[in-house]
C-alpha cells in the first residue's frame, strides 16, 4: 500500500458531475479525528469537482464551535457551500499537503498555524461503494502553541450541522454527491469559475 504514490499523482480537474441533479467531489480526506483535548480535526482534499480544485481543514473546539479553512479560489465553491451555516468561522488559509512516507501525510496551515501528521494503516479490504477507508493508526497535531493531544475514539460522534462524523479516526479515498438545491445558482457558479480561467473537462 502506497497512498503517497496514488494520491500524490492526482491532478486537478474540473468537470460536471456524472449524476444529473447532483454536484460531485472526488479526492481524499480525514472524515473526522477527535483528540483527547476535546478538539476535532477533519481534512477534505478534492482535486476534482464541478467548480475548482480545493483543500479544506475543519476544526471544532472542545466547546463545539466549528471553523472551516479553505485553500481554493472562492469560499462558496468549497465545503462552506454545504456546511458554512453550521460554522462560527470560515476563512481562506494556505494549506500544504506533503506525503512524508508512503502512508503518512503532513498537513500545514499558515492561518491559524497548524502542523498535523496522520499515518494510515492497511484498509483490511474494506470497501464502501467506490470508497476505500483506512484506519488512522498514528497522529499528532499542534494548533498555534497548543498540542491537541492523542487521538481518541469519541464517546459521541462529532456533528457539523445535521451531519455526524465518525467517532473513529478514518482516512477515506473516493467521491461524494450533493443534490443541487438551486440549479440556476449552480449554473451561474459554473459559468463564473469558467470565466475566471478554471479549465473544464466536460
Protein backbone atom coordinates (compact mmCIF):
# COMPACT_ATOMS: atom_id res chain seq x y z
CA UNK A 1 0.00 0.00 0.00
CA UNK A 2 1.44 3.35 -1.08
CA UNK A 3 -1.06 6.17 -0.77
CA UNK A 4 1.60 8.79 -1.47
CA UNK A 5 2.18 7.44 -4.98
CA UNK A 6 -1.50 7.06 -5.78
CA UNK A 7 -2.90 10.24 -4.23
CA UNK A 8 0.16 12.38 -4.85
CA UNK A 9 -0.33 11.74 -8.57
CA UNK A 10 -3.88 13.14 -8.62
CA UNK A 11 -4.12 16.12 -10.93
CA UNK A 12 -6.64 18.97 -10.64
CA UNK A 13 -9.59 18.56 -12.99
CA UNK A 14 -12.89 20.38 -13.23
CA UNK A 15 -15.87 18.57 -14.71
CA UNK A 16 -19.59 18.34 -14.20
CA UNK A 17 -20.97 15.60 -12.03
CA UNK A 18 -21.79 12.42 -13.95
CA UNK A 19 -25.01 12.20 -11.93
CA UNK A 20 -27.66 14.64 -13.15
CA UNK A 21 -29.03 16.95 -10.47
CA UNK A 22 -26.05 16.46 -8.16
CA UNK A 23 -22.73 18.20 -7.59
CA UNK A 24 -19.77 15.90 -7.07
CA UNK A 25 -16.33 15.79 -5.49
CA UNK A 26 -13.55 13.23 -5.83
CA UNK A 27 -10.43 13.00 -3.72
CA UNK A 28 -9.47 12.05 -0.18
CA UNK A 29 -9.59 13.23 3.39
CA UNK A 30 -9.85 12.56 7.09
CA UNK A 31 -13.54 12.15 7.93
CA UNK A 32 -13.06 13.39 11.47
CA UNK A 33 -10.34 12.89 14.05
CA UNK A 34 -11.13 13.54 17.73
CA UNK A 35 -8.31 14.24 20.20
CA UNK A 36 -8.13 13.71 23.95
CA UNK A 37 -8.09 17.51 24.37
CA UNK A 38 -11.65 17.66 23.01
CA UNK A 39 -10.60 19.22 19.71
CA UNK A 40 -11.64 17.61 16.41
CA UNK A 41 -9.89 17.99 13.04
CA UNK A 42 -11.00 16.95 9.56
CA UNK A 43 -9.47 17.24 6.10
CA UNK A 44 -11.03 17.38 2.63
CA UNK A 45 -8.82 17.41 -0.50
CA UNK A 46 -10.86 17.43 -3.70
CA UNK A 47 -8.78 17.99 -6.85
CA UNK A 48 -11.82 17.01 -8.92
CA UNK A 49 -15.25 18.62 -8.65
CA UNK A 50 -17.75 20.77 -10.55
CA UNK A 51 -16.16 24.17 -9.87
CA UNK A 52 -12.45 24.29 -8.96
CA UNK A 53 -9.91 22.19 -7.01
CA UNK A 54 -9.68 22.94 -3.30
CA UNK A 55 -8.46 21.72 0.09
CA UNK A 56 -10.16 22.43 3.41
CA UNK A 57 -9.34 21.77 7.05
CA UNK A 58 -12.17 21.69 9.58
CA UNK A 59 -11.61 22.41 13.28
CA UNK A 60 -14.01 22.01 16.20
CA UNK A 61 -13.16 23.42 19.60
CA UNK A 62 -13.91 21.47 22.79
CA UNK A 63 -16.86 23.85 23.20
CA UNK A 64 -18.36 22.72 19.90
CA UNK A 65 -17.56 25.69 17.63
CA UNK A 66 -16.62 24.76 14.06
CA UNK A 67 -14.27 26.62 11.71
CA UNK A 68 -13.53 25.74 8.08
CA UNK A 69 -10.28 26.91 6.47
CA UNK A 70 -10.18 26.92 2.66
CA UNK A 71 -7.32 26.79 0.18
CA UNK A 72 -9.17 27.49 -3.07
CA UNK A 73 -10.30 30.32 -5.32
CA UNK A 74 -13.62 31.00 -3.54
CA UNK A 75 -15.17 30.04 -0.22
CA UNK A 76 -18.55 29.26 -1.76
CA UNK A 77 -17.27 26.54 -4.09
CA UNK A 78 -15.68 24.54 -1.25
CA UNK A 79 -17.01 22.88 1.93
CA UNK A 80 -18.61 26.10 3.29
CA UNK A 81 -21.05 25.74 0.37
CA UNK A 82 -22.70 22.89 2.29
CA UNK A 83 -21.58 23.41 5.89
CA UNK A 84 -20.95 27.14 6.28
CA UNK A 85 -24.21 27.73 8.13
CA UNK A 86 -23.07 25.37 10.89
CA UNK A 87 -19.72 27.11 11.44
CA UNK A 88 -18.65 30.05 13.57
CA UNK A 89 -15.78 30.97 11.23
CA UNK A 90 -14.94 30.45 7.55
CA UNK A 91 -11.74 31.87 6.10
CA UNK A 92 -9.02 31.41 3.50
CA UNK A 93 -5.78 29.74 4.55
CA UNK A 94 -2.75 28.36 2.74
CA UNK A 95 -2.90 24.59 3.21
CA UNK A 96 0.12 22.45 2.29
CA UNK A 97 -0.15 18.66 1.99
CA UNK A 98 3.12 16.68 2.00
CA UNK A 99 3.45 12.90 1.86
CA UNK A 100 6.33 12.18 4.23
CA UNK A 101 6.12 8.38 3.93
CA UNK A 102 4.13 6.02 1.68
CA UNK A 103 1.16 6.19 4.06
CA UNK A 104 1.91 9.26 6.18
CA UNK A 105 0.68 12.76 5.44
CA UNK A 106 1.69 16.15 6.86
CA UNK A 107 -0.95 18.91 6.82
CA UNK A 108 0.15 22.51 7.44
CA UNK A 109 -1.88 25.73 7.67
CA UNK A 110 -0.49 29.24 7.80
CA UNK A 111 -3.53 30.93 9.43
CA UNK A 112 -4.04 29.67 12.07
CA UNK A 113 -0.74 27.88 12.42
CA UNK A 114 -1.41 24.15 12.34
CA UNK A 115 1.02 21.25 11.99
CA UNK A 116 -0.80 17.91 11.77
CA UNK A 117 0.54 14.45 10.95
CA UNK A 118 -1.54 11.39 10.15
CA UNK A 119 -0.44 7.84 9.42
CA UNK A 120 -2.75 5.27 7.84
CA UNK A 121 -2.90 1.55 8.49
CA UNK A 122 -4.00 -1.06 5.95
CA UNK A 123 -7.69 -0.91 4.92
CA UNK A 124 -8.44 -4.60 5.77
CA UNK A 125 -10.09 -4.78 2.30
CA UNK A 126 -12.96 -2.58 3.47
CA UNK A 127 -14.97 -1.08 0.59
CA UNK A 128 -17.86 1.37 0.79
CA UNK A 129 -19.26 1.73 -2.73
CA UNK A 130 -16.17 3.00 -4.61
CA UNK A 131 -14.61 4.44 -1.46
CA UNK A 132 -11.73 2.91 0.46
CA UNK A 133 -11.35 3.59 4.15
CA UNK A 134 -8.17 3.37 6.22
CA UNK A 135 -7.79 3.42 9.98
CA UNK A 136 -5.58 6.27 11.19
CA UNK A 137 -3.14 4.48 13.47
CA UNK A 138 -0.98 7.46 14.47
CA UNK A 139 -1.42 11.22 14.54
CA UNK A 140 -0.26 14.37 16.27
CA UNK A 141 -1.35 17.97 15.82
CA UNK A 142 -0.26 21.34 17.10
CA UNK A 143 -2.61 24.32 16.69
CA UNK A 144 -0.81 27.62 17.28
CA UNK A 145 1.03 26.78 20.54
CA UNK A 146 -1.31 24.03 21.75
CA UNK A 147 -0.66 20.30 21.49
CA UNK A 148 -4.06 18.78 20.75
CA UNK A 149 -3.18 15.53 22.48
CA UNK A 150 -3.53 11.91 21.43
CA UNK A 151 -6.14 10.59 19.00
CA UNK A 152 -9.16 9.02 20.63
CA UNK A 153 -12.40 7.33 19.73
CA UNK A 154 -15.08 9.87 20.55
CA UNK A 155 -17.71 8.95 23.12
CA UNK A 156 -20.22 10.63 20.83
CA UNK A 157 -19.97 11.37 17.13
CA UNK A 158 -18.97 14.96 16.41
CA UNK A 159 -21.58 16.67 14.25
CA UNK A 160 -21.41 19.69 11.97
CA UNK A 161 -24.95 20.83 11.48
CA UNK A 162 -27.08 17.74 10.89
CA UNK A 163 -24.14 15.68 9.59
CA UNK A 164 -22.46 13.31 12.03
CA UNK A 165 -18.79 12.45 11.59
CA UNK A 166 -17.35 9.04 12.50
CA UNK A 167 -16.25 8.61 16.11
CA UNK A 168 -13.31 6.51 14.91
CA UNK A 169 -10.39 8.27 13.12
CA UNK A 170 -10.81 7.37 9.43
CA UNK A 171 -8.97 8.38 6.25
CA UNK A 172 -11.01 7.87 3.08
CA UNK A 173 -10.45 7.89 -0.69
CA UNK A 174 -13.41 8.28 -3.01
CA UNK A 175 -16.19 10.57 -4.11
CA UNK A 176 -19.40 12.10 -2.85
CA UNK A 177 -22.52 13.64 -4.38
CA UNK A 178 -24.67 16.53 -3.15
CA UNK A 179 -28.09 17.32 -4.56
CA UNK A 180 -28.18 20.66 -6.39
CA UNK A 181 -30.60 22.83 -4.43
CA UNK A 182 -30.70 25.77 -6.87
CA UNK A 183 -29.97 24.86 -10.49
CA UNK A 184 -29.75 28.50 -11.63
CA UNK A 185 -27.23 29.33 -8.90
CA UNK A 186 -25.26 26.19 -9.78
CA UNK A 187 -25.08 27.13 -13.48
CA UNK A 188 -24.11 30.70 -12.57
CA UNK A 189 -21.25 29.49 -10.37
CA UNK A 190 -20.02 27.11 -13.08
CA UNK A 191 -20.03 30.00 -15.58
CA UNK A 192 -18.25 32.35 -13.17
CA UNK A 193 -15.49 29.84 -12.45
CA UNK A 194 -15.09 29.14 -16.16
CA UNK A 195 -14.80 32.85 -16.96
CA UNK A 196 -12.24 33.15 -14.17
CA UNK A 197 -9.98 30.80 -16.10
CA UNK A 198 -10.67 27.47 -14.41
CA UNK A 199 -10.29 24.86 -17.15
CA UNK A 200 -13.12 22.39 -17.54
CA UNK A 201 -13.05 18.82 -18.85
CA UNK A 202 -16.75 18.19 -19.53
